[in-house]
Amino acid sequence: LNHFYKSGESIQTPCLAKNFFQPLISECILNLEANYIEFVTDINLTDELIKVNALQFKQAFLNIINNSTESLVLSRTKNPMITIKVSSKNKMVLLDIVDNGPGIDGGMDQSVFEHFYSSKPDGSGIGLSFVRRIIEAHAGEVSVKRLDTTGFAITIKIPMISKDSCAT
């Protein structure tokens, strides 16, 4: 894992956000359908540009999806669902991933990003700390929150880049 997030090793390339996220999200659908999880997507992007290391960002995204899937399956959530919304606001591309599983204990929200924190009996506690390091390496932010009723939401914010910065 260290190889994924050592500084200086992340080559990020500009791309249209919708062209990056659409295939990435589509790839996840097969895994979720195999676990009988409903998958809802809402990609509301036009020509927003972002700069990403595709391999690193994909790994971080899949880690979040896998965590949600495990939570839904292990808790035997009735009518399990994961919703992914991609949008833009204030020069940021926002990726919201929400599941309707058991969520996390109140007050523990940001602890999930600490090394070796895990709510799973057999969890290593490196997954979401890895996600945070990857997102921060993309000059982004990641946050979590427990939903009022049931579930868990992760929001990733990645800065948009200008078309002019693609020429350099």
C-alpha atoms as a PDB file:
ATOM      1  CA  LEU A   1       0.000   0.000   0.000  1.00  0.00           C
ATOM      2  CA  ASN A   2       2.832   2.408   0.712  1.00  0.00           C
ATOM      3  CA  HIS A   3       3.679   2.427  -2.968  1.00  0.00           C
ATOM      4  CA  PHE A   4       0.237   3.955  -3.651  1.00  0.00           C
ATOM      5  CA  TYR A   5       0.692   7.012  -1.506  1.00  0.00           C
ATOM      6  CA  LYS A   6       4.314   7.932  -1.127  1.00  0.00           C
ATOM      7  CA  SER A   7       4.683  11.571  -2.041  1.00  0.00           C
ATOM      8  CA  GLY A   8       6.355  12.264  -5.326  1.00  0.00           C
ATOM      9  CA  GLU A   9       5.140   9.011  -6.872  1.00  0.00           C
ATOM     10  CA  SER A  10       1.689  10.231  -7.827  1.00  0.00           C
ATOM     11  CA  ILE A  11       1.469  11.194 -11.473  1.00  0.00           C
ATOM     12  CA  GLN A  12      -1.845  12.945 -11.910  1.00  0.00           C
ATOM     13  CA  THR A  13      -3.289  13.683 -15.313  1.00  0.00           C
ATOM     14  CA  PRO A  14      -6.125  16.019 -16.280  1.00  0.00           C
ATOM     15  CA  CYS A  15      -9.393  14.464 -17.394  1.00  0.00           C
ATOM     16  CA  LEU A  16     -13.071  15.216 -17.742  1.00  0.00           C
ATOM     17  CA  ALA A  17     -14.611  14.213 -14.426  1.00  0.00           C
ATOM     18  CA  LYS A  18     -17.657  12.565 -16.038  1.00  0.00           C
ATOM     19  CA  ASN A  19     -15.400  10.490 -18.325  1.00  0.00           C
ATOM     20  CA  PHE A  20     -13.463   9.316 -15.283  1.00  0.00           C
ATOM     21  CA  PHE A  21     -16.362   8.567 -12.927  1.00  0.00           C
ATOM     22  CA  GLN A  22     -18.881   6.952 -15.301  1.00  0.00           C
ATOM     23  CA  PRO A  23     -16.767   3.873 -16.153  1.00  0.00           C
ATOM     24  CA  LEU A  24     -15.451   3.627 -12.598  1.00  0.00           C
ATOM     25  CA  ILE A  25     -18.972   3.515 -11.180  1.00  0.00           C
ATOM     26  CA  SER A  26     -20.171   1.108 -13.884  1.00  0.00           C
ATOM     27  CA  GLU A  27     -17.398  -1.292 -12.958  1.00  0.00           C
ATOM     28  CA  CYS A  28     -18.711  -1.458  -9.393  1.00  0.00           C
ATOM     29  CA  ILE A  29     -22.235  -2.417 -10.388  1.00  0.00           C
ATOM     30  CA  LEU A  30     -21.290  -6.042 -11.131  1.00  0.00           C
ATOM     31  CA  ASN A  31     -19.852  -6.578  -7.657  1.00  0.00           C
ATOM     32  CA  LEU A  32     -22.878  -5.016  -5.980  1.00  0.00           C
ATOM     33  CA  GLU A  33     -25.388  -6.959  -8.037  1.00  0.00           C
ATOM     34  CA  ALA A  34     -23.628 -10.183  -7.050  1.00  0.00           C
ATOM     35  CA  ASN A  35     -24.396  -9.266  -3.431  1.00  0.00           C
ATOM     36  CA  TYR A  36     -28.009  -8.288  -4.216  1.00  0.00           C
ATOM     37  CA  ILE A  37     -27.343  -4.655  -3.395  1.00  0.00           C
ATOM     38  CA  GLU A  38     -29.349  -1.989  -5.167  1.00  0.00           C
ATOM     39  CA  PHE A  39     -27.122   0.586  -6.789  1.00  0.00           C
ATOM     40  CA  VAL A  40     -28.332   4.122  -7.498  1.00  0.00           C
ATOM     41  CA  THR A  41     -26.224   6.638  -9.414  1.00  0.00           C
ATOM     42  CA  ASP A  42     -26.641  10.301 -10.147  1.00  0.00           C
ATOM     43  CA  ILE A  43     -23.855  11.825 -12.229  1.00  0.00           C
ATOM     44  CA  ASN A  44     -24.573  15.499 -12.702  1.00  0.00           C
ATOM     45  CA  LEU A  45     -21.463  16.763 -14.484  1.00  0.00           C
ATOM     46  CA  THR A  46     -20.842  18.540 -17.755  1.00  0.00           C
ATOM     47  CA  ASP A  47     -17.306  19.664 -18.638  1.00  0.00           C
ATOM     48  CA  GLU A  48     -15.610  19.791 -15.229  1.00  0.00           C
ATOM     49  CA  LEU A  49     -11.916  18.955 -15.342  1.00  0.00           C
ATOM     50  CA  ILE A  50     -10.026  17.244 -12.533  1.00  0.00           C
ATOM     51  CA  LYS A  51      -6.465  16.031 -12.151  1.00  0.00           C
ATOM     52  CA  VAL A  52      -6.157  12.460 -10.874  1.00  0.00           C
ATOM     53  CA  ASN A  53      -3.904   9.484 -10.619  1.00  0.00           C
ATOM     54  CA  ALA A  54      -6.462   7.049 -12.011  1.00  0.00           C
ATOM     55  CA  LEU A  55      -5.018   3.935 -10.356  1.00  0.00           C
ATOM     56  CA  GLN A  56      -4.811   5.523  -6.898  1.00  0.00           C
ATOM     57  CA  PHE A  57      -8.231   7.146  -7.050  1.00  0.00           C
ATOM     58  CA  LYS A  58      -9.834   3.947  -8.327  1.00  0.00           C
ATOM     59  CA  GLN A  59      -8.299   2.002  -5.446  1.00  0.00           C
ATOM     60  CA  ALA A  60      -9.594   4.537  -2.906  1.00  0.00           C
ATOM     61  CA  PHE A  61     -13.076   4.479  -4.472  1.00  0.00           C
ATOM     62  CA  LEU A  62     -13.200   0.677  -4.540  1.00  0.00           C
ATOM     63  CA  ASN A  63     -12.100   0.566  -0.916  1.00  0.00           C
ATOM     64  CA  ILE A  64     -15.082   2.709   0.094  1.00  0.00           C
ATOM     65  CA  ILE A  65     -17.488   0.634  -2.015  1.00  0.00           C
ATOM     66  CA  ASN A  66     -16.082  -2.610  -0.572  1.00  0.00           C
ATOM     67  CA  ASN A  67     -16.488  -1.280   2.985  1.00  0.00           C
ATOM     68  CA  SER A  68     -20.108  -0.365   2.295  1.00  0.00           C
ATOM     69  CA  THR A  69     -20.759  -3.732   0.662  1.00  0.00           C
ATOM     70  CA  GLU A  70     -19.250  -5.628   3.594  1.00  0.00           C
ATOM     71  CA  SER A  71     -21.266  -3.585   6.064  1.00  0.00           C
ATOM     72  CA  LEU A  72     -24.520  -4.216   4.225  1.00  0.00           C
ATOM     73  CA  VAL A  73     -23.883  -7.943   3.781  1.00  0.00           C
ATOM     74  CA  LEU A  74     -22.575  -8.633   7.305  1.00  0.00           C
ATOM     75  CA  SER A  75     -25.386  -6.686   8.965  1.00  0.00           C
ATOM     76  CA  ARG A  76     -27.951  -8.416   6.752  1.00  0.00           C
ATOM     77  CA  THR A  77     -29.474  -5.042   5.958  1.00  0.00           C
ATOM     78  CA  LYS A  78     -32.955  -5.396   4.538  1.00  0.00           C
ATOM     79  CA  ASN A  79     -33.155  -3.927   1.007  1.00  0.00           C
ATOM     80  CA  PRO A  80     -29.452  -2.950   0.913  1.00  0.00           C
ATOM     81  CA  MET A  81     -28.623   0.068  -1.208  1.00  0.00           C
ATOM     82  CA  ILE A  82     -25.613   2.188  -2.118  1.00  0.00           C
ATOM     83  CA  THR A  83     -26.153   5.579  -3.689  1.00  0.00           C
ATOM     84  CA  ILE A  84     -23.410   7.431  -5.531  1.00  0.00           C
ATOM     85  CA  LYS A  85     -23.865  11.045  -6.528  1.00  0.00           C
ATOM     86  CA  VAL A  86     -21.264  13.014  -8.451  1.00  0.00           C
ATOM     87  CA  SER A  87     -21.761  16.760  -8.844  1.00  0.00           C
ATOM     88  CA  SER A  88     -19.869  20.040  -8.749  1.00  0.00           C
ATOM     89  CA  LYS A  89     -20.061  23.077  -6.508  1.00  0.00           C
ATOM     90  CA  ASN A  90     -17.712  25.958  -5.692  1.00  0.00           C
ATOM     91  CA  LYS A  91     -14.957  24.739  -8.050  1.00  0.00           C
ATOM     92  CA  MET A  92     -15.001  21.262  -6.502  1.00  0.00           C
ATOM     93  CA  VAL A  93     -16.195  17.922  -7.849  1.00  0.00           C
ATOM     94  CA  LEU A  94     -18.170  16.185  -5.107  1.00  0.00           C
ATOM     95  CA  LEU A  95     -18.482  12.438  -4.796  1.00  0.00           C
ATOM     96  CA  ASP A  96     -21.080  11.312  -2.245  1.00  0.00           C
ATOM     97  CA  ILE A  97     -21.298   7.621  -1.390  1.00  0.00           C
ATOM     98  CA  VAL A  98     -24.181   6.687   0.889  1.00  0.00           C
ATOM     99  CA  ASP A  99     -25.310   3.283   2.129  1.00  0.00           C
ATOM    100  CA  ASN A 100     -28.282   2.275   4.246  1.00  0.00           C
ATOM    101  CA  GLY A 101     -26.365  -0.082   6.527  1.00  0.00           C
ATOM    102  CA  PRO A 102     -25.900   0.150  10.282  1.00  0.00           C
ATOM    103  CA  GLY A 103     -23.549   3.136  10.058  1.00  0.00           C
ATOM    104  CA  ILE A 104     -20.988   3.868  12.746  1.00  0.00           C
ATOM    105  CA  ASP A 105     -21.204   4.813  16.399  1.00  0.00           C
ATOM    106  CA  GLY A 106     -21.992   8.486  16.970  1.00  0.00           C
ATOM    107  CA  GLY A 107     -18.929  10.536  17.856  1.00  0.00           C
ATOM    108  CA  MET A 108     -16.622   8.139  16.033  1.00  0.00           C
ATOM    109  CA  ASP A 109     -17.135   9.717  12.610  1.00  0.00           C
ATOM    110  CA  GLN A 110     -13.665  11.041  11.814  1.00  0.00           C
ATOM    111  CA  SER A 111     -11.913   8.278  13.802  1.00  0.00           C
ATOM    112  CA  VAL A 112     -12.513   5.937  10.886  1.00  0.00           C
ATOM    113  CA  PHE A 113      -9.629   7.668   9.092  1.00  0.00           C
ATOM    114  CA  GLU A 114      -7.078   6.873  11.822  1.00  0.00           C
ATOM    115  CA  HIS A 115      -4.540   4.124  11.176  1.00  0.00           C
ATOM    116  CA  PHE A 116      -5.625   0.773  12.595  1.00  0.00           C
ATOM    117  CA  TYR A 117      -9.150   1.938  13.512  1.00  0.00           C
ATOM    118  CA  SER A 118     -11.708  -0.679  12.552  1.00  0.00           C
ATOM    119  CA  SER A 119     -15.240  -1.444  13.629  1.00  0.00           C
ATOM    120  CA  LYS A 120     -14.987  -4.896  12.034  1.00  0.00           C
ATOM    121  CA  PRO A 121     -13.796  -7.827  14.178  1.00  0.00           C
ATOM    122  CA  ASP A 122     -11.320  -8.915  11.495  1.00  0.00           C
ATOM    123  CA  GLY A 123     -10.600  -5.445  10.064  1.00  0.00           C
ATOM    124  CA  SER A 124      -7.045  -4.191   9.646  1.00  0.00           C
ATOM    125  CA  GLY A 125      -7.928  -0.526  10.076  1.00  0.00           C
ATOM    126  CA  ILE A 126      -5.861   0.661   7.137  1.00  0.00           C
ATOM    127  CA  GLY A 127      -8.533   0.992   4.450  1.00  0.00           C
ATOM    128  CA  LEU A 128     -10.027   4.395   5.183  1.00  0.00           C
ATOM    129  CA  SER A 129      -6.723   5.883   6.354  1.00  0.00           C
ATOM    130  CA  PHE A 130      -5.424   4.837   2.934  1.00  0.00           C
ATOM    131  CA  VAL A 131      -8.436   6.544   1.307  1.00  0.00           C
ATOM    132  CA  ARG A 132      -7.764   9.774   3.183  1.00  0.00           C
ATOM    133  CA  ARG A 133      -4.089   9.826   2.155  1.00  0.00           C
ATOM    134  CA  ILE A 134      -4.984   9.278  -1.491  1.00  0.00           C
ATOM    135  CA  ILE A 135      -7.633  11.991  -1.504  1.00  0.00           C
ATOM    136  CA  GLU A 136      -5.314  14.444   0.258  1.00  0.00           C
ATOM    137  CA  ALA A 137      -2.615  13.650  -2.326  1.00  0.00           C
ATOM    138  CA  HIS A 138      -5.161  14.905  -4.881  1.00  0.00           C
ATOM    139  CA  ALA A 139      -5.527  18.191  -2.926  1.00  0.00           C
ATOM    140  CA  GLY A 140      -8.946  16.954  -1.897  1.00  0.00           C
ATOM    141  CA  GLU A 141     -10.914  16.382   1.260  1.00  0.00           C
ATOM    142  CA  VAL A 142     -12.818  13.389   2.572  1.00  0.00           C
ATOM    143  CA  SER A 143     -15.347  13.319   5.397  1.00  0.00           C
ATOM    144  CA  VAL A 144     -17.867  10.915   6.844  1.00  0.00           C
ATOM    145  CA  LYS A 145     -21.077  11.216   8.738  1.00  0.00           C
ATOM    146  CA  ARG A 146     -23.619   8.950  10.290  1.00  0.00           C
ATOM    147  CA  LEU A 147     -27.058   9.507   8.858  1.00  0.00           C
ATOM    148  CA  ASP A 148     -29.942  10.368  11.174  1.00  0.00           C
ATOM    149  CA  THR A 149     -31.871   7.165  10.646  1.00  0.00           C
ATOM    150  CA  THR A 150     -29.521   4.503   9.391  1.00  0.00           C
ATOM    151  CA  GLY A 151     -26.533   4.437   7.153  1.00  0.00           C
ATOM    152  CA  PHE A 152     -23.209   5.989   6.455  1.00  0.00           C
ATOM    153  CA  ALA A 153     -22.149   8.754   4.073  1.00  0.00           C
ATOM    154  CA  ILE A 154     -18.709   9.577   2.728  1.00  0.00           C
ATOM    155  CA  THR A 155     -18.096  12.783   0.809  1.00  0.00           C
ATOM    156  CA  ILE A 156     -14.999  13.335  -1.305  1.00  0.00           C
ATOM    157  CA  LYS A 157     -14.182  16.768  -2.691  1.00  0.00           C
ATOM    158  CA  ILE A 158     -11.642  17.121  -5.498  1.00  0.00           C
ATOM    159  CA  PRO A 159     -10.692  20.543  -6.869  1.00  0.00           C
ATOM    160  CA  MET A 160     -11.529  21.299 -10.466  1.00  0.00           C
ATOM    161  CA  ILE A 161      -8.764  22.556 -12.699  1.00  0.00           C
ATOM    162  CA  SER A 162      -8.968  25.127 -15.457  1.00  0.00           C
ATOM    163  CA  LYS A 163      -8.600  24.259 -19.125  1.00  0.00           C
ATOM    164  CA  ASP A 164      -5.516  26.490 -19.182  1.00  0.00           C
ATOM    165  CA  SER A 165      -3.733  24.241 -16.682  1.00  0.00           C
ATOM    166  CA  CYS A 166      -4.078  21.321 -19.106  1.00  0.00           C
ATOM    167  CA  ALA A 167      -1.781  23.006 -21.596  1.00  0.00           C
ATOM    168  CA  THR A 168       1.172  22.919 -19.220  1.00  0.00           C
END
